[in-house]
Amino acid sequence: MTLSYIPSDTNDEGIFKANASGSLPNGKPVVVNADGTVSVVGSTAVSQAIGSAAVFESAATGVGGIGSAFDSNLNKIIVAYRDGGNSNYSTAVVGTVSGTSISFGTPTVFESSAGQDFSPAFDSNSNKVVIVYTGANDYGRSVVGTVSGTDITFGSSVIFYSGVATWDCAVFDSSNNKIVIAYKDNSNSSIGKAIVGTVSGSSIS
């Protein structure tokens, strides 16, 4: 064993000394090897494959925000956004992941108005996607979508707040099988509010 301790009655008070195995850069942690020498703690590189970016809409989409959710029943991605190439209509598209790539189906308009603050949530009880958003008249709205293959179809849009609602956010409560919507009530001193929705078929109440 080559590791030794220098006692306090020397000039090297309280210092361990050992034979080095290889180069020891200053300030780097070391480990004691089986033969009693010390060497720098090794690290294992983790490789991660990153795929290429895929276009889901060849027009401006950023204004109004983009929201996405995972359909765990069909293993699909749903993206909701404002389509700048189609009158800024509220639109959704289905994505399919394969390896490090993702491909998209044909976009579907769910409201013919310029929506914003899109927040999709997947209801695993009904296997439906609920998209919460600020739609026509700046009202808080929600719509139920059904994914089939690479397509999505929608029921009618339902108003959950007939005032100016922004910063919409939706989540699924799997214990009670409900959609919980939180939003900023701009018609009432910008206070925060929440409301519970129940999905039935292609509608929500």
N, C-alpha and C. Protein backbone atom coordinates (compact mmCIF):
# COMPACT_ATOMS: atom_id res chain seq x y z
N MET A 1 0.85 -1.19 0.00
CA MET A 1 0.00 0.00 0.00
C MET A 1 0.88 1.23 0.00
N THR A 2 0.70 2.11 -1.00
CA THR A 2 1.59 3.27 -1.10
C THR A 2 0.97 4.54 -0.54
N LEU A 3 -0.33 4.45 -0.07
CA LEU A 3 -0.97 5.62 0.50
C LEU A 3 -0.47 5.82 1.92
N SER A 4 -0.07 7.02 2.24
CA SER A 4 0.45 7.29 3.58
C SER A 4 -0.07 8.62 4.09
N TYR A 5 -0.09 8.77 5.40
CA TYR A 5 -0.57 9.98 6.04
C TYR A 5 0.60 10.70 6.69
N ILE A 6 0.75 11.98 6.43
CA ILE A 6 1.82 12.78 7.04
C ILE A 6 1.28 13.35 8.34
N PRO A 7 1.85 12.96 9.47
CA PRO A 7 1.31 13.42 10.76
C PRO A 7 1.49 14.92 10.96
N SER A 8 0.83 15.42 11.99
CA SER A 8 0.77 16.87 12.19
C SER A 8 2.06 17.49 12.70
N ASP A 9 3.04 16.66 13.05
CA ASP A 9 4.29 17.24 13.57
C ASP A 9 5.31 17.49 12.46
N THR A 10 4.85 17.52 11.21
CA THR A 10 5.74 17.84 10.10
C THR A 10 5.25 19.13 9.45
N ASN A 11 6.00 19.57 8.45
CA ASN A 11 5.60 20.77 7.72
C ASN A 11 4.39 20.53 6.82
N ASP A 12 4.10 19.27 6.52
CA ASP A 12 2.94 18.92 5.68
C ASP A 12 1.79 18.44 6.55
N GLU A 13 1.36 19.27 7.48
CA GLU A 13 0.36 18.87 8.46
C GLU A 13 -0.97 18.48 7.82
N GLY A 14 -1.48 17.31 8.23
CA GLY A 14 -2.79 16.87 7.80
C GLY A 14 -2.91 16.58 6.32
N ILE A 15 -1.85 16.09 5.67
CA ILE A 15 -1.88 15.83 4.23
C ILE A 15 -1.67 14.34 3.97
N PHE A 16 -2.49 13.78 3.06
CA PHE A 16 -2.26 12.42 2.58
C PHE A 16 -1.35 12.48 1.36
N LYS A 17 -0.43 11.54 1.31
CA LYS A 17 0.43 11.42 0.13
C LYS A 17 0.31 10.02 -0.44
N ALA A 18 0.35 9.93 -1.77
CA ALA A 18 0.22 8.63 -2.43
C ALA A 18 0.94 8.67 -3.76
N ASN A 19 1.28 7.49 -4.28
CA ASN A 19 1.86 7.40 -5.61
C ASN A 19 0.76 7.55 -6.66
N ALA A 20 1.03 8.38 -7.64
CA ALA A 20 0.05 8.65 -8.68
C ALA A 20 0.15 7.63 -9.80
N SER A 21 -0.99 7.28 -10.35
CA SER A 21 -1.05 6.45 -11.54
C SER A 21 -1.51 7.34 -12.69
N GLY A 22 -0.57 7.77 -13.50
CA GLY A 22 -0.88 8.71 -14.57
C GLY A 22 -0.82 10.14 -14.07
N SER A 23 -1.24 11.07 -14.92
CA SER A 23 -1.19 12.50 -14.60
C SER A 23 -2.38 12.88 -13.73
N LEU A 24 -2.13 13.72 -12.72
CA LEU A 24 -3.17 14.19 -11.83
C LEU A 24 -3.29 15.71 -11.94
N PRO A 25 -4.22 16.22 -12.73
CA PRO A 25 -4.40 17.67 -12.84
C PRO A 25 -4.84 18.27 -11.51
N ASN A 26 -4.42 19.50 -11.24
CA ASN A 26 -4.80 20.17 -10.00
C ASN A 26 -6.31 20.34 -9.90
N GLY A 27 -6.83 20.08 -8.70
CA GLY A 27 -8.24 20.32 -8.44
C GLY A 27 -9.18 19.23 -8.89
N LYS A 28 -8.65 18.16 -9.49
CA LYS A 28 -9.52 17.08 -9.97
C LYS A 28 -9.68 16.00 -8.90
N PRO A 29 -10.87 15.42 -8.74
CA PRO A 29 -11.06 14.34 -7.77
C PRO A 29 -10.30 13.09 -8.19
N VAL A 30 -9.85 12.32 -7.17
CA VAL A 30 -9.09 11.09 -7.45
C VAL A 30 -9.75 9.91 -6.75
N VAL A 31 -9.36 8.72 -7.17
CA VAL A 31 -9.85 7.49 -6.57
C VAL A 31 -8.65 6.61 -6.25
N VAL A 32 -8.77 5.83 -5.15
CA VAL A 32 -7.70 4.91 -4.77
C VAL A 32 -7.88 3.61 -5.54
N ASN A 33 -6.86 3.20 -6.27
CA ASN A 33 -6.91 1.98 -7.07
C ASN A 33 -6.60 0.76 -6.21
N ALA A 34 -6.81 -0.42 -6.77
CA ALA A 34 -6.59 -1.67 -6.04
C ALA A 34 -5.14 -1.84 -5.61
N ASP A 35 -4.20 -1.28 -6.39
CA ASP A 35 -2.78 -1.44 -6.04
C ASP A 35 -2.28 -0.36 -5.09
N GLY A 36 -3.21 0.48 -4.61
CA GLY A 36 -2.82 1.51 -3.65
C GLY A 36 -2.47 2.84 -4.27
N THR A 37 -2.33 2.90 -5.58
CA THR A 37 -2.07 4.19 -6.23
C THR A 37 -3.37 4.96 -6.38
N VAL A 38 -3.26 6.23 -6.76
CA VAL A 38 -4.44 7.05 -7.00
C VAL A 38 -4.43 7.53 -8.43
N SER A 39 -5.62 7.72 -8.99
CA SER A 39 -5.74 8.23 -10.35
C SER A 39 -6.99 9.09 -10.44
N VAL A 40 -7.07 9.87 -11.52
CA VAL A 40 -8.22 10.76 -11.71
C VAL A 40 -9.48 9.92 -11.91
N VAL A 41 -10.57 10.38 -11.30
CA VAL A 41 -11.86 9.69 -11.46
C VAL A 41 -12.26 9.74 -12.93
N GLY A 42 -12.54 8.57 -13.50
CA GLY A 42 -12.91 8.50 -14.90
C GLY A 42 -14.36 8.89 -15.13
N SER A 43 -14.69 9.19 -16.37
CA SER A 43 -16.06 9.50 -16.75
C SER A 43 -16.41 8.71 -17.99
N THR A 44 -17.68 8.36 -18.09
CA THR A 44 -18.15 7.60 -19.24
C THR A 44 -19.02 8.49 -20.11
N ALA A 45 -18.63 8.62 -21.34
CA ALA A 45 -19.39 9.45 -22.27
C ALA A 45 -20.70 8.76 -22.65
N VAL A 46 -21.77 9.51 -22.64
CA VAL A 46 -23.07 8.97 -23.02
C VAL A 46 -23.42 9.50 -24.40
N SER A 47 -23.61 8.61 -25.33
CA SER A 47 -23.96 9.04 -26.69
C SER A 47 -25.47 9.21 -26.79
N GLN A 48 -25.90 10.21 -27.50
CA GLN A 48 -27.32 10.49 -27.68
C GLN A 48 -27.57 10.88 -29.13
N ALA A 49 -28.44 10.13 -29.75
CA ALA A 49 -28.76 10.41 -31.15
C ALA A 49 -29.81 11.50 -31.22
N ILE A 50 -29.57 12.51 -32.02
CA ILE A 50 -30.51 13.60 -32.21
C ILE A 50 -30.91 13.63 -33.67
N GLY A 51 -32.19 13.57 -33.91
CA GLY A 51 -32.68 13.55 -35.28
C GLY A 51 -32.72 14.94 -35.89
N SER A 52 -33.18 14.99 -37.11
CA SER A 52 -33.30 16.26 -37.84
C SER A 52 -34.65 16.90 -37.57
N ALA A 53 -34.69 18.21 -37.64
CA ALA A 53 -35.95 18.94 -37.45
C ALA A 53 -36.90 18.64 -38.61
N ALA A 54 -38.18 18.55 -38.31
CA ALA A 54 -39.20 18.29 -39.33
C ALA A 54 -40.19 19.44 -39.35
N VAL A 55 -40.60 19.85 -40.52
CA VAL A 55 -41.56 20.95 -40.67
C VAL A 55 -42.98 20.39 -40.56
N PHE A 56 -43.78 20.94 -39.65
CA PHE A 56 -45.18 20.52 -39.56
C PHE A 56 -46.11 21.55 -40.20
N GLU A 57 -45.60 22.75 -40.46
CA GLU A 57 -46.39 23.79 -41.13
C GLU A 57 -45.42 24.73 -41.83
N SER A 58 -45.57 24.86 -43.15
CA SER A 58 -44.65 25.69 -43.93
C SER A 58 -45.13 27.13 -44.01
N ALA A 59 -45.60 27.66 -42.89
CA ALA A 59 -46.02 29.06 -42.79
C ALA A 59 -45.76 29.52 -41.37
N ALA A 60 -45.93 30.81 -41.11
CA ALA A 60 -45.69 31.35 -39.78
C ALA A 60 -46.65 30.73 -38.77
N THR A 61 -46.11 30.34 -37.61
CA THR A 61 -46.93 29.69 -36.58
C THR A 61 -46.73 30.27 -35.20
N GLY A 62 -45.68 31.03 -34.99
CA GLY A 62 -45.29 31.44 -33.64
C GLY A 62 -46.25 32.38 -32.95
N VAL A 63 -46.88 33.29 -33.72
CA VAL A 63 -47.80 34.25 -33.11
C VAL A 63 -48.99 33.49 -32.50
N GLY A 64 -49.26 33.73 -31.24
CA GLY A 64 -50.37 33.04 -30.59
C GLY A 64 -49.94 31.81 -29.82
N GLY A 65 -48.71 31.39 -30.02
CA GLY A 65 -48.19 30.25 -29.27
C GLY A 65 -48.50 28.91 -29.92
N ILE A 66 -47.71 27.93 -29.53
CA ILE A 66 -47.87 26.56 -30.04
C ILE A 66 -47.98 25.63 -28.84
N GLY A 67 -48.94 24.71 -28.88
CA GLY A 67 -49.10 23.74 -27.80
C GLY A 67 -49.06 22.33 -28.34
N SER A 68 -48.65 21.38 -27.49
CA SER A 68 -48.60 19.99 -27.94
C SER A 68 -48.97 19.05 -26.80
N ALA A 69 -49.41 17.85 -27.17
CA ALA A 69 -49.77 16.83 -26.20
C ALA A 69 -49.46 15.46 -26.79
N PHE A 70 -49.35 14.46 -25.91
CA PHE A 70 -49.07 13.09 -26.34
C PHE A 70 -50.31 12.24 -26.17
N ASP A 71 -50.73 11.59 -27.25
CA ASP A 71 -51.83 10.64 -27.23
C ASP A 71 -51.25 9.27 -26.88
N SER A 72 -51.38 8.87 -25.60
CA SER A 72 -50.76 7.63 -25.13
C SER A 72 -51.51 6.39 -25.62
N ASN A 73 -52.72 6.56 -26.14
CA ASN A 73 -53.47 5.43 -26.68
C ASN A 73 -52.93 5.01 -28.04
N LEU A 74 -52.64 5.99 -28.90
CA LEU A 74 -52.17 5.70 -30.26
C LEU A 74 -50.70 6.07 -30.45
N ASN A 75 -50.06 6.56 -29.39
CA ASN A 75 -48.65 6.96 -29.46
C ASN A 75 -48.42 8.01 -30.55
N LYS A 76 -49.21 9.06 -30.49
CA LYS A 76 -49.11 10.16 -31.45
C LYS A 76 -48.87 11.47 -30.71
N ILE A 77 -48.33 12.43 -31.44
CA ILE A 77 -48.14 13.78 -30.94
C ILE A 77 -49.16 14.69 -31.63
N ILE A 78 -49.83 15.52 -30.86
CA ILE A 78 -50.78 16.48 -31.43
C ILE A 78 -50.23 17.88 -31.20
N VAL A 79 -50.13 18.66 -32.26
CA VAL A 79 -49.63 20.03 -32.18
C VAL A 79 -50.75 20.98 -32.57
N ALA A 80 -51.01 21.98 -31.73
CA ALA A 80 -52.03 22.99 -32.01
C ALA A 80 -51.35 24.34 -32.19
N TYR A 81 -51.80 25.11 -33.18
CA TYR A 81 -51.11 26.35 -33.52
C TYR A 81 -51.99 27.24 -34.39
N ARG A 82 -51.52 28.45 -34.64
CA ARG A 82 -52.18 29.39 -35.55
C ARG A 82 -51.48 29.30 -36.91
N ASP A 83 -52.24 29.01 -37.94
CA ASP A 83 -51.67 28.83 -39.28
C ASP A 83 -51.61 30.18 -40.01
N GLY A 84 -50.41 30.76 -40.05
CA GLY A 84 -50.23 32.04 -40.72
C GLY A 84 -50.41 31.97 -42.22
N GLY A 85 -50.40 30.77 -42.78
CA GLY A 85 -50.59 30.62 -44.21
C GLY A 85 -52.03 30.37 -44.60
N ASN A 86 -52.92 30.32 -43.59
CA ASN A 86 -54.33 30.06 -43.86
C ASN A 86 -55.19 30.95 -42.95
N SER A 87 -55.08 32.25 -43.16
CA SER A 87 -55.90 33.25 -42.45
C SER A 87 -55.74 33.20 -40.94
N ASN A 88 -54.61 32.66 -40.47
CA ASN A 88 -54.33 32.54 -39.02
C ASN A 88 -55.32 31.64 -38.29
N TYR A 89 -55.94 30.72 -39.01
CA TYR A 89 -56.93 29.84 -38.41
C TYR A 89 -56.29 28.94 -37.36
N SER A 90 -57.10 28.57 -36.36
CA SER A 90 -56.66 27.64 -35.32
C SER A 90 -56.61 26.23 -35.91
N THR A 91 -55.45 25.60 -35.81
CA THR A 91 -55.17 24.38 -36.57
C THR A 91 -54.46 23.36 -35.70
N ALA A 92 -54.63 22.10 -36.03
CA ALA A 92 -53.91 21.03 -35.34
C ALA A 92 -53.40 20.03 -36.35
N VAL A 93 -52.32 19.34 -35.98
CA VAL A 93 -51.72 18.33 -36.85
C VAL A 93 -51.20 17.20 -35.99
N VAL A 94 -51.22 15.99 -36.55
CA VAL A 94 -50.79 14.78 -35.83
C VAL A 94 -49.40 14.38 -36.27
N GLY A 95 -48.54 14.08 -35.30
CA GLY A 95 -47.18 13.64 -35.59
C GLY A 95 -46.94 12.22 -35.14
N THR A 96 -46.12 11.50 -35.90
CA THR A 96 -45.77 10.11 -35.58
C THR A 96 -44.26 10.01 -35.44
N VAL A 97 -43.82 9.52 -34.29
CA VAL A 97 -42.38 9.39 -34.02
C VAL A 97 -41.91 8.00 -34.44
N SER A 98 -40.78 7.97 -35.14
CA SER A 98 -40.15 6.71 -35.53
C SER A 98 -38.64 6.88 -35.39
N GLY A 99 -38.06 6.18 -34.42
CA GLY A 99 -36.63 6.35 -34.17
C GLY A 99 -36.33 7.77 -33.74
N THR A 100 -35.46 8.44 -34.48
CA THR A 100 -35.14 9.84 -34.17
C THR A 100 -35.83 10.81 -35.14
N SER A 101 -36.88 10.33 -35.79
CA SER A 101 -37.60 11.17 -36.75
C SER A 101 -39.06 11.32 -36.37
N ILE A 102 -39.68 12.37 -36.86
CA ILE A 102 -41.11 12.56 -36.69
C ILE A 102 -41.70 13.03 -38.01
N SER A 103 -42.84 12.46 -38.37
CA SER A 103 -43.54 12.85 -39.59
C SER A 103 -44.93 13.31 -39.22
N PHE A 104 -45.53 14.12 -40.08
CA PHE A 104 -46.81 14.73 -39.76
C PHE A 104 -47.86 14.46 -40.83
N GLY A 105 -49.10 14.38 -40.39
CA GLY A 105 -50.22 14.21 -41.29
C GLY A 105 -50.67 15.55 -41.86
N THR A 106 -51.88 15.59 -42.34
CA THR A 106 -52.44 16.81 -42.93
C THR A 106 -53.06 17.68 -41.84
N PRO A 107 -52.70 18.97 -41.77
CA PRO A 107 -53.28 19.86 -40.76
C PRO A 107 -54.79 19.99 -40.90
N THR A 108 -55.47 20.14 -39.76
CA THR A 108 -56.93 20.27 -39.73
C THR A 108 -57.31 21.54 -38.95
N VAL A 109 -58.16 22.36 -39.53
CA VAL A 109 -58.65 23.56 -38.86
C VAL A 109 -59.75 23.17 -37.87
N PHE A 110 -59.62 23.63 -36.62
CA PHE A 110 -60.69 23.35 -35.65
C PHE A 110 -61.48 24.61 -35.30
N GLU A 111 -61.01 25.79 -35.69
CA GLU A 111 -61.82 27.00 -35.61
C GLU A 111 -61.32 27.99 -36.65
N SER A 112 -62.26 28.52 -37.42
CA SER A 112 -61.90 29.46 -38.49
C SER A 112 -61.76 30.87 -37.93
N SER A 113 -60.86 31.02 -37.00
CA SER A 113 -60.53 32.33 -36.43
C SER A 113 -59.10 32.26 -35.92
N ALA A 114 -58.55 33.43 -35.62
CA ALA A 114 -57.16 33.51 -35.17
C ALA A 114 -57.08 33.22 -33.67
N GLY A 115 -56.85 31.98 -33.33
CA GLY A 115 -56.75 31.60 -31.93
C GLY A 115 -55.37 31.87 -31.35
N GLN A 116 -55.27 31.67 -30.04
CA GLN A 116 -53.98 31.82 -29.38
C GLN A 116 -53.99 31.05 -28.06
N ASP A 117 -52.83 30.98 -27.43
CA ASP A 117 -52.67 30.31 -26.12
C ASP A 117 -53.20 28.88 -26.16
N PHE A 118 -52.79 28.13 -27.15
CA PHE A 118 -53.26 26.74 -27.32
C PHE A 118 -52.65 25.82 -26.26
N SER A 119 -53.50 25.03 -25.64
CA SER A 119 -53.04 24.09 -24.62
C SER A 119 -53.79 22.77 -24.77
N PRO A 120 -53.23 21.81 -25.51
CA PRO A 120 -53.87 20.50 -25.65
C PRO A 120 -53.61 19.63 -24.41
N ALA A 121 -54.57 18.78 -24.10
CA ALA A 121 -54.42 17.78 -23.05
C ALA A 121 -55.08 16.49 -23.52
N PHE A 122 -54.46 15.35 -23.19
CA PHE A 122 -55.02 14.07 -23.62
C PHE A 122 -55.84 13.46 -22.49
N ASP A 123 -57.09 13.16 -22.79
CA ASP A 123 -58.00 12.50 -21.86
C ASP A 123 -57.89 10.99 -22.10
N SER A 124 -57.17 10.30 -21.21
CA SER A 124 -56.92 8.87 -21.40
C SER A 124 -58.14 8.02 -21.05
N ASN A 125 -59.15 8.62 -20.45
CA ASN A 125 -60.38 7.89 -20.17
C ASN A 125 -61.22 7.73 -21.43
N SER A 126 -61.35 8.82 -22.19
CA SER A 126 -62.14 8.80 -23.42
C SER A 126 -61.28 8.64 -24.66
N ASN A 127 -59.94 8.67 -24.47
CA ASN A 127 -58.99 8.63 -25.58
C ASN A 127 -59.25 9.76 -26.58
N LYS A 128 -59.48 10.93 -26.02
CA LYS A 128 -59.71 12.13 -26.83
C LYS A 128 -58.66 13.18 -26.47
N VAL A 129 -58.44 14.09 -27.41
CA VAL A 129 -57.57 15.23 -27.17
C VAL A 129 -58.44 16.46 -27.00
N VAL A 130 -58.25 17.17 -25.90
CA VAL A 130 -58.98 18.42 -25.67
C VAL A 130 -58.01 19.58 -25.87
N ILE A 131 -58.36 20.49 -26.78
CA ILE A 131 -57.54 21.67 -27.02
C ILE A 131 -58.25 22.87 -26.41
N VAL A 132 -57.60 23.50 -25.46
CA VAL A 132 -58.10 24.70 -24.82
C VAL A 132 -57.37 25.89 -25.43
N TYR A 133 -58.11 26.98 -25.69
CA TYR A 133 -57.49 28.10 -26.39
C TYR A 133 -58.35 29.34 -26.27
N THR A 134 -57.78 30.47 -26.65
CA THR A 134 -58.54 31.72 -26.77
C THR A 134 -58.95 31.86 -28.23
N GLY A 135 -60.25 31.87 -28.49
CA GLY A 135 -60.74 31.86 -29.86
C GLY A 135 -61.49 33.13 -30.24
N ALA A 136 -62.52 32.97 -31.03
CA ALA A 136 -63.30 34.11 -31.52
C ALA A 136 -63.82 34.94 -30.36
N ASN A 137 -63.81 36.27 -30.53
CA ASN A 137 -64.23 37.23 -29.51
C ASN A 137 -63.32 37.20 -28.27
N ASP A 138 -62.18 36.53 -28.39
CA ASP A 138 -61.25 36.36 -27.27
C ASP A 138 -61.85 35.56 -26.12
N TYR A 139 -62.91 34.80 -26.41
CA TYR A 139 -63.52 33.94 -25.39
C TYR A 139 -62.64 32.72 -25.12
N GLY A 140 -62.77 32.20 -23.90
CA GLY A 140 -62.12 30.94 -23.59
C GLY A 140 -62.89 29.80 -24.21
N ARG A 141 -62.21 28.99 -25.00
CA ARG A 141 -62.89 27.93 -25.74
C ARG A 141 -62.15 26.60 -25.61
N SER A 142 -62.85 25.53 -25.87
CA SER A 142 -62.25 24.20 -25.90
C SER A 142 -62.92 23.36 -26.97
N VAL A 143 -62.18 22.41 -27.48
CA VAL A 143 -62.71 21.54 -28.54
C VAL A 143 -62.12 20.15 -28.36
N VAL A 144 -62.92 19.14 -28.66
CA VAL A 144 -62.50 17.74 -28.50
C VAL A 144 -62.10 17.17 -29.85
N GLY A 145 -60.93 16.55 -29.88
CA GLY A 145 -60.42 15.95 -31.11
C GLY A 145 -60.25 14.45 -30.98
N THR A 146 -60.47 13.75 -32.08
CA THR A 146 -60.28 12.30 -32.13
C THR A 146 -59.21 11.98 -33.16
N VAL A 147 -58.17 11.30 -32.72
CA VAL A 147 -57.06 10.94 -33.61
C VAL A 147 -57.33 9.59 -34.24
N SER A 148 -57.10 9.52 -35.55
CA SER A 148 -57.21 8.25 -36.28
C SER A 148 -56.09 8.22 -37.30
N GLY A 149 -55.14 7.33 -37.10
CA GLY A 149 -53.98 7.29 -37.99
C GLY A 149 -53.19 8.57 -37.88
N THR A 150 -53.04 9.27 -39.00
CA THR A 150 -52.31 10.54 -38.99
C THR A 150 -53.25 11.73 -39.11
N ASP A 151 -54.55 11.49 -38.89
CA ASP A 151 -55.54 12.55 -39.00
C ASP A 151 -56.20 12.82 -37.66
N ILE A 152 -56.82 13.98 -37.52
CA ILE A 152 -57.59 14.32 -36.34
C ILE A 152 -58.86 15.03 -36.77
N THR A 153 -59.97 14.64 -36.17
CA THR A 153 -61.27 15.28 -36.45
C THR A 153 -61.78 15.90 -35.15
N PHE A 154 -62.64 16.91 -35.28
CA PHE A 154 -63.07 17.67 -34.12
C PHE A 154 -64.59 17.77 -34.03
N GLY A 155 -65.07 17.87 -32.78
CA GLY A 155 -66.45 18.24 -32.53
C GLY A 155 -66.57 19.75 -32.58
N SER A 156 -67.67 20.27 -32.09
CA SER A 156 -67.90 21.72 -32.11
C SER A 156 -67.16 22.38 -30.95
N SER A 157 -66.71 23.60 -31.20
CA SER A 157 -66.05 24.38 -30.16
C SER A 157 -67.05 24.76 -29.06
N VAL A 158 -66.59 24.67 -27.81
CA VAL A 158 -67.44 24.97 -26.66
C VAL A 158 -66.81 26.11 -25.86
N ILE A 159 -67.61 27.10 -25.51
CA ILE A 159 -67.12 28.23 -24.72
C ILE A 159 -67.11 27.85 -23.24
N PHE A 160 -65.94 27.98 -22.59
CA PHE A 160 -65.90 27.76 -21.15
C PHE A 160 -65.90 29.07 -20.38
N TYR A 161 -65.62 30.19 -21.08
CA TYR A 161 -65.71 31.50 -20.45
C TYR A 161 -66.04 32.54 -21.52
N SER A 162 -67.18 33.21 -21.36
CA SER A 162 -67.61 34.20 -22.35
C SER A 162 -67.10 35.59 -21.98
N GLY A 163 -65.83 35.67 -21.75
CA GLY A 163 -65.12 36.91 -21.51
C GLY A 163 -63.74 36.76 -22.11
N VAL A 164 -62.87 37.73 -21.89
CA VAL A 164 -61.52 37.67 -22.46
C VAL A 164 -60.65 36.77 -21.59
N ALA A 165 -60.31 35.62 -22.12
CA ALA A 165 -59.47 34.65 -21.41
C ALA A 165 -58.15 34.48 -22.13
N THR A 166 -57.06 34.53 -21.40
CA THR A 166 -55.73 34.31 -21.98
C THR A 166 -54.93 33.39 -21.07
N TRP A 167 -53.72 33.04 -21.56
CA TRP A 167 -52.81 32.16 -20.80
C TRP A 167 -53.51 30.86 -20.42
N ASP A 168 -54.30 30.33 -21.35
CA ASP A 168 -55.05 29.11 -21.10
C ASP A 168 -54.11 27.92 -20.87
N CYS A 169 -54.50 27.07 -19.93
CA CYS A 169 -53.68 25.89 -19.64
C CYS A 169 -54.61 24.75 -19.23
N ALA A 170 -54.43 23.58 -19.83
CA ALA A 170 -55.30 22.44 -19.56
C ALA A 170 -54.48 21.24 -19.10
N VAL A 171 -55.07 20.45 -18.21
CA VAL A 171 -54.44 19.22 -17.74
C VAL A 171 -55.54 18.20 -17.47
N PHE A 172 -55.20 16.91 -17.59
CA PHE A 172 -56.18 15.85 -17.36
C PHE A 172 -56.02 15.28 -15.96
N ASP A 173 -57.12 15.22 -15.22
CA ASP A 173 -57.17 14.62 -13.90
C ASP A 173 -57.58 13.16 -14.07
N SER A 174 -56.61 12.25 -13.98
CA SER A 174 -56.88 10.83 -14.25
C SER A 174 -57.62 10.15 -13.10
N SER A 175 -57.65 10.76 -11.91
CA SER A 175 -58.39 10.18 -10.80
C SER A 175 -59.89 10.38 -10.95
N ASN A 176 -60.25 11.55 -11.48
CA ASN A 176 -61.67 11.88 -11.63
C ASN A 176 -62.12 11.93 -13.08
N ASN A 177 -61.20 11.67 -14.01
CA ASN A 177 -61.49 11.69 -15.45
C ASN A 177 -62.11 13.03 -15.88
N LYS A 178 -61.42 14.10 -15.49
CA LYS A 178 -61.87 15.44 -15.82
C LYS A 178 -60.72 16.24 -16.45
N ILE A 179 -61.10 17.25 -17.22
CA ILE A 179 -60.14 18.22 -17.73
C ILE A 179 -60.21 19.46 -16.84
N VAL A 180 -59.08 19.89 -16.33
CA VAL A 180 -59.02 21.10 -15.52
C VAL A 180 -58.39 22.21 -16.35
N ILE A 181 -59.09 23.32 -16.46
CA ILE A 181 -58.63 24.45 -17.27
C ILE A 181 -58.33 25.63 -16.35
N ALA A 182 -57.15 26.18 -16.46
CA ALA A 182 -56.79 27.40 -15.75
C ALA A 182 -56.55 28.51 -16.77
N TYR A 183 -56.92 29.73 -16.39
CA TYR A 183 -56.78 30.83 -17.35
C TYR A 183 -56.74 32.17 -16.62
N LYS A 184 -56.31 33.18 -17.34
CA LYS A 184 -56.30 34.55 -16.83
C LYS A 184 -57.56 35.26 -17.32
N ASP A 185 -58.37 35.76 -16.37
CA ASP A 185 -59.62 36.42 -16.70
C ASP A 185 -59.35 37.91 -16.92
N ASN A 186 -59.11 38.26 -18.17
CA ASN A 186 -58.81 39.66 -18.49
C ASN A 186 -60.04 40.55 -18.40
N SER A 187 -61.21 39.97 -18.28
CA SER A 187 -62.43 40.76 -18.13
C SER A 187 -62.74 41.03 -16.66
N ASN A 188 -61.93 40.52 -15.78
CA ASN A 188 -62.18 40.68 -14.34
C ASN A 188 -60.86 40.87 -13.60
N SER A 189 -60.23 42.02 -13.85
CA SER A 189 -59.00 42.42 -13.14
C SER A 189 -57.84 41.45 -13.34
N SER A 190 -57.89 40.66 -14.43
CA SER A 190 -56.80 39.73 -14.77
C SER A 190 -56.55 38.68 -13.69
N ILE A 191 -57.60 38.33 -12.93
CA ILE A 191 -57.41 37.33 -11.88
C ILE A 191 -57.33 35.93 -12.50
N GLY A 192 -56.72 35.02 -11.76
CA GLY A 192 -56.60 33.64 -12.23
C GLY A 192 -57.83 32.84 -11.86
N LYS A 193 -58.31 32.04 -12.80
CA LYS A 193 -59.48 31.21 -12.57
C LYS A 193 -59.23 29.79 -13.06
N ALA A 194 -60.05 28.88 -12.57
CA ALA A 194 -59.99 27.49 -13.04
C ALA A 194 -61.40 26.95 -13.17
N ILE A 195 -61.58 26.00 -14.07
CA ILE A 195 -62.89 25.41 -14.30
C ILE A 195 -62.69 23.96 -14.72
N VAL A 196 -63.68 23.11 -14.39
CA VAL A 196 -63.58 21.68 -14.67
C VAL A 196 -64.45 21.32 -15.86
N GLY A 197 -63.91 20.51 -16.76
CA GLY A 197 -64.65 20.08 -17.94
C GLY A 197 -64.77 18.57 -17.99
N THR A 198 -65.89 18.08 -18.54
CA THR A 198 -66.13 16.65 -18.68
C THR A 198 -66.32 16.32 -20.16
N VAL A 199 -65.55 15.37 -20.64
CA VAL A 199 -65.62 14.96 -22.04
C VAL A 199 -66.68 13.86 -22.20
N SER A 200 -67.52 14.03 -23.21
CA SER A 200 -68.51 13.02 -23.56
C SER A 200 -68.59 12.95 -25.07
N GLY A 201 -68.16 11.83 -25.63
CA GLY A 201 -68.12 11.71 -27.07
C GLY A 201 -67.17 12.72 -27.66
N SER A 202 -67.65 13.54 -28.60
CA SER A 202 -66.81 14.54 -29.24
C SER A 202 -67.09 15.94 -28.70
N SER A 203 -67.64 16.02 -27.47
CA SER A 203 -67.95 17.31 -26.88
C SER A 203 -67.42 17.37 -25.46
N ILE A 204 -67.41 18.58 -24.92
CA ILE A 204 -66.98 18.80 -23.53
C ILE A 204 -67.94 19.79 -22.89
N SER A 205 -68.29 19.55 -21.64
CA SER A 205 -69.17 20.45 -20.90
C SER A 205 -68.49 20.87 -19.61
